[in-house]
Protein backbone atom coordinates (compact mmCIF):
# COMPACT_ATOMS: atom_id res chain seq x y z
CA UNK A 1 41.87 -21.58 -5.39
CA UNK A 2 40.38 -18.85 -7.60
CA UNK A 3 38.67 -21.64 -9.52
CA UNK A 4 37.13 -22.80 -6.38
CA UNK A 5 35.53 -19.46 -5.71
CA UNK A 6 34.38 -19.16 -9.08
CA UNK A 7 32.44 -22.60 -8.88
CA UNK A 8 30.97 -21.45 -5.49
CA UNK A 9 29.97 -18.19 -7.37
CA UNK A 10 28.20 -19.74 -10.20
CA UNK A 11 26.44 -22.40 -7.61
CA UNK A 12 25.05 -19.25 -5.32
CA UNK A 13 23.91 -17.68 -8.48
CA UNK A 14 22.13 -20.63 -9.95
CA UNK A 15 20.14 -20.51 -6.82
CA UNK A 16 18.93 -16.94 -7.59
CA UNK A 17 15.90 -16.39 -9.83
CA UNK A 18 16.49 -13.08 -11.00
CA UNK A 19 14.32 -11.62 -13.67
CA UNK A 20 15.67 -8.70 -16.00
CA UNK A 21 13.24 -6.03 -17.09
CA UNK A 22 13.66 -2.57 -18.81
CA UNK A 23 11.73 0.58 -17.89
CA UNK A 24 11.68 3.66 -19.75
CA UNK A 25 9.09 6.40 -20.60
CA UNK A 26 7.61 9.79 -20.68
CA UNK A 27 6.49 12.36 -18.53
CA UNK A 28 5.56 15.69 -19.84
CA UNK A 29 6.01 19.06 -17.63
CA UNK A 30 7.91 16.86 -14.66
CA UNK A 31 11.55 17.71 -15.85
CA UNK A 32 13.63 17.39 -12.90
CA UNK A 33 11.63 15.07 -10.95
CA UNK A 34 12.48 11.45 -9.95
CA UNK A 35 10.81 7.97 -11.25
CA UNK A 36 11.58 5.03 -8.83
CA UNK A 37 10.71 1.24 -8.56
CA UNK A 38 10.08 0.32 -4.96
CA UNK A 39 9.49 -2.79 -3.74
CA UNK A 40 6.86 -4.44 -1.32
CA UNK A 41 9.79 -3.67 1.52
CA UNK A 42 10.10 0.07 0.59
CA UNK A 43 13.17 -0.31 -1.02
CA UNK A 44 14.13 1.71 -4.10
CA UNK A 45 15.31 -1.13 -6.92
CA UNK A 46 16.06 1.03 -9.39
CA UNK A 47 15.55 5.28 -10.22
CA UNK A 48 15.74 7.77 -12.98
CA UNK A 49 15.53 11.62 -13.38
CA UNK A 50 13.25 13.14 -16.12
CA UNK A 51 15.05 15.24 -18.66
CA UNK A 52 13.27 16.65 -21.63
CA UNK A 53 10.49 14.75 -20.95
CA UNK A 54 11.67 11.45 -20.69
CA UNK A 55 12.67 8.77 -18.23
CA UNK A 56 15.09 5.55 -18.90
CA UNK A 57 16.04 3.37 -16.07
CA UNK A 58 17.77 0.68 -18.28
CA UNK A 59 17.88 -2.83 -17.69
CA UNK A 60 17.55 -3.96 -14.47
CA UNK A 61 17.74 -7.49 -12.73
CA UNK A 62 15.21 -8.02 -9.84
CA UNK A 63 15.00 -10.61 -7.18
CA UNK A 64 11.48 -11.80 -8.33
CA UNK A 65 8.47 -11.07 -10.28
CA UNK A 66 5.66 -9.54 -8.39
CA UNK A 67 3.88 -6.16 -7.61
CA UNK A 68 5.98 -3.02 -7.23
CA UNK A 69 5.48 0.60 -6.96
CA UNK A 70 6.40 3.31 -9.20
CA UNK A 71 6.98 6.38 -7.47
CA UNK A 72 7.19 9.78 -9.13
CA UNK A 73 8.98 12.38 -6.76
CA UNK A 74 7.46 15.44 -7.68
CA UNK A 75 6.07 18.47 -5.39
CA UNK A 76 5.15 17.75 -1.59
CA UNK A 77 4.10 14.48 -1.99
CA UNK A 78 5.28 11.39 -4.46
CA UNK A 79 2.64 9.96 -6.91
CA UNK A 80 2.42 6.50 -6.33
CA UNK A 81 1.26 3.81 -8.91
CA UNK A 82 0.76 -0.01 -8.27
CA UNK A 83 2.87 -1.96 -11.05
CA UNK A 84 3.41 -5.90 -11.87
CA UNK A 85 6.68 -6.29 -13.11
CA UNK A 86 8.17 -9.35 -14.72
CA UNK A 87 11.06 -9.86 -17.55
CA UNK A 88 10.38 -7.89 -20.61
CA UNK A 89 10.34 -4.16 -21.54
CA UNK A 90 8.04 -1.64 -20.09
CA UNK A 91 7.25 1.81 -22.02
CA UNK A 92 5.46 3.87 -19.50
CA UNK A 93 3.76 7.39 -20.12
CA UNK A 94 3.23 9.47 -16.75
CA UNK A 95 -0.27 11.25 -17.21
CA UNK A 96 -0.71 14.94 -16.20
CA UNK A 97 -3.69 14.43 -14.43
CA UNK A 98 -2.84 13.05 -11.07
CA UNK A 99 -5.51 11.14 -10.49
CA UNK A 100 -5.14 9.00 -13.90
CA UNK A 101 -3.24 5.35 -13.70
CA UNK A 102 -0.05 4.88 -16.07
CA UNK A 103 -0.18 3.98 -19.73
CA UNK A 104 1.78 1.08 -20.13
CA UNK A 105 3.16 -0.89 -23.11
CA UNK A 106 4.48 -4.22 -22.32
CA UNK A 107 3.83 -8.02 -22.92
CA UNK A 108 3.00 -8.77 -19.35
CA UNK A 109 -0.28 -9.87 -19.18
CA UNK A 110 -0.59 -9.41 -15.34
CA UNK A 111 0.26 -5.98 -15.77
CA UNK A 112 -2.51 -5.48 -18.62
CA UNK A 113 -5.05 -6.85 -16.59
CA UNK A 114 -4.07 -4.22 -13.79
CA UNK A 115 -4.03 -1.50 -16.31
CA UNK A 116 -7.65 -2.56 -17.64
CA UNK A 117 -8.63 -2.33 -13.89
CA UNK A 118 -7.19 0.83 -13.00
CA UNK A 119 -8.16 2.83 -16.37
CA UNK A 120 -11.78 1.26 -16.02
CA UNK A 121 -11.68 2.87 -12.34
CA UNK A 122 -10.39 5.96 -13.35
CA UNK A 123 -13.09 6.64 -15.94
CA UNK A 124 -15.69 5.89 -12.98
CA UNK A 125 -14.21 7.47 -9.84
CA UNK A 126 -13.84 11.05 -11.97
CA UNK A 127 -16.90 12.60 -10.43
CA UNK A 128 -15.90 11.35 -6.54
CA UNK A 129 -12.63 12.48 -6.41
CA UNK A 130 -13.65 15.72 -7.89
CA UNK A 131 -16.21 16.11 -5.07
CA UNK A 132 -13.60 15.35 -2.87
CA UNK A 133 -10.86 17.73 -4.02
CA UNK A 134 -12.93 20.69 -3.81
CA UNK A 135 -14.58 20.11 -0.80
CA UNK A 136 -10.83 19.75 0.78
CA UNK A 137 -9.97 23.01 -0.75
CA UNK A 138 -12.59 24.82 0.53
CA UNK A 139 -11.55 23.37 4.15
CA UNK A 140 -8.23 24.75 3.32
CA UNK A 141 -9.10 28.15 1.84
CA UNK A 142 -8.23 31.04 4.68
CA UNK A 143 -11.62 32.70 3.71
CA UNK A 144 -13.44 29.70 5.28
CA UNK A 145 -11.63 30.33 8.60
CA UNK A 146 -14.47 33.36 9.00
CA UNK A 147 -17.11 30.73 8.98
CA UNK A 148 -18.76 30.21 12.23
CA UNK A 149 -18.45 27.22 13.96
CA UNK A 150 -21.54 25.43 12.82
CA UNK A 151 -20.98 26.54 9.11
CA UNK A 152 -17.64 24.84 9.30
CA UNK A 153 -18.58 21.46 11.04
CA UNK A 154 -21.19 21.42 8.28
CA UNK A 155 -18.62 22.06 5.68
CA UNK A 156 -16.38 19.06 7.25
CA UNK A 157 -19.52 16.76 7.80
CA UNK A 158 -19.93 17.45 4.09
CA UNK A 159 -16.13 16.14 3.04
CA UNK A 160 -16.45 13.18 5.47
CA UNK A 161 -19.80 12.15 3.43
CA UNK A 162 -18.04 12.30 0.09
CA UNK A 163 -14.63 10.46 1.21
CA UNK A 164 -17.11 7.97 2.53
CA UNK A 165 -19.07 7.91 -0.88
CA UNK A 166 -15.68 7.69 -2.59
CA UNK A 167 -14.71 4.68 -0.41
CA UNK A 168 -17.88 3.07 -1.19
CA UNK A 169 -17.86 3.60 -4.98
CA UNK A 170 -14.18 1.48 -5.22
CA UNK A 171 -16.48 -1.75 -4.37
CA UNK A 172 -19.31 -1.20 -6.42
CA UNK A 173 -16.93 -0.26 -9.54
CA UNK A 174 -14.69 -3.52 -8.61
CA UNK A 175 -18.17 -5.14 -8.78
CA UNK A 176 -18.84 -3.76 -12.16
CA UNK A 177 -15.48 -4.73 -13.61
CA UNK A 178 -15.70 -8.37 -12.74
CA UNK A 179 -19.07 -8.44 -14.55
CA UNK A 180 -17.61 -6.71 -17.80
CA UNK A 181 -14.47 -8.36 -17.70
CA UNK A 182 -14.11 -11.69 -16.49
CA UNK A 183 -11.22 -12.60 -18.22
CA UNK A 184 -9.16 -9.76 -16.65
CA UNK A 185 -9.96 -10.65 -12.96
CA UNK A 186 -6.54 -12.00 -11.97
CA UNK A 187 -5.32 -8.93 -10.34
CA UNK A 188 -8.71 -8.49 -8.34
CA UNK A 189 -7.60 -10.25 -5.27
CA UNK A 190 -4.28 -7.74 -5.27
CA UNK A 191 -6.60 -5.02 -5.84
CA UNK A 192 -8.67 -5.69 -3.05
CA UNK A 193 -5.34 -5.85 -0.82
CA UNK A 194 -4.77 -2.66 -1.37
CA UNK A 195 -8.26 -1.26 0.02
CA UNK A 196 -9.89 -0.66 3.43
CA UNK A 197 -11.74 -3.63 3.17
CA UNK A 198 -11.56 -4.45 6.93
CA UNK A 199 -13.77 -1.93 8.15
CA UNK A 200 -16.50 -2.98 5.53
CA UNK A 201 -15.51 -6.13 4.23
CA UNK A 202 -19.01 -7.48 3.11
CA UNK A 203 -18.99 -5.78 -0.35
CA UNK A 204 -15.56 -7.16 -1.00
CA UNK A 205 -16.32 -10.43 0.20
CA UNK A 206 -18.94 -10.60 -2.37
CA UNK A 207 -16.77 -9.41 -5.62
CA UNK A 208 -14.37 -11.99 -4.20
CA UNK A 209 -16.75 -14.54 -4.48
CA UNK A 210 -17.72 -13.80 -8.03
CA UNK A 211 -14.02 -14.53 -8.86
CA UNK A 212 -13.01 -17.95 -10.68
CA UNK A 213 -11.75 -20.87 -8.69
CA UNK A 214 -8.49 -20.46 -10.67
CA UNK A 215 -8.17 -16.95 -9.60
CA UNK A 216 -9.36 -17.45 -5.93
CA UNK A 217 -6.74 -20.55 -5.35
CA UNK A 218 -3.67 -18.14 -6.55
CA UNK A 219 -1.37 -17.59 -3.61
CA UNK A 220 -2.91 -13.88 -3.26
CA UNK A 221 -6.39 -15.19 -3.84
CA UNK A 222 -6.22 -17.84 -1.14
CA UNK A 223 -4.56 -15.07 1.57
CA UNK A 224 -7.12 -12.60 0.65
CA UNK A 225 -9.95 -15.00 0.77
CA UNK A 226 -9.02 -16.39 4.13
CA UNK A 227 -9.16 -12.81 5.72
CA UNK A 228 -12.40 -11.70 4.20
CA UNK A 229 -14.02 -15.08 4.67
CA UNK A 230 -12.60 -14.45 8.71
CA UNK A 231 -13.90 -10.99 8.68
CA UNK A 232 -17.74 -11.94 7.20
CA UNK A 233 -17.86 -14.66 10.17
CA UNK A 234 -16.86 -12.44 12.74
CA UNK A 235 -19.69 -11.29 15.04
CA UNK A 236 -22.11 -8.65 14.08
CA UNK A 237 -21.67 -9.58 10.28
CA UNK A 238 -24.51 -11.43 8.68
């Protein structure tokens, strides 16, 4: 009887396509924080505490390769990073600056393409982030509670304008990346899916149509392409 159960277990496991990954790294000045790998359903797959500037999740078996979130629980809000996981080893450095992307050493081409994009974006988005952060600080500053109603409304309008420029810059930066690094565009459909493309689809549709047929015909490419095509054919769009 035990033999039959063993055979059934082997049959069950043979139908599961698990991948084994190993994740460790460094995080300066974040001792006591928790680093977690979270799947697309929001479930924590594995985690590790940061001690002496290091963390180690060890070897983890995942049900599938794909995009996950590396979440660093520190302070009031977690720092979430988009990451592509497949079989292999990942050595990750969590940057001290919250707006910067992870520094990752891995043999995964998809993750290296993702790192190339986010590093490129970080290098150009700094001034936009800085403006929004500065205005947010001014809005939350107790001293500004003494401003007149019209003066405070003007400050809020400046913040809204800065946020709009920040959103608009992302599509332009994505377009620049596609032009400069056409060999690293496999991740662009995924990056588009993380943006607010629904409210303003045209810039992202323009970027998407610059991608190669091979990238457009990936599962994620087909999905985002269909949505963008539909949005740009909707009434009110040219």
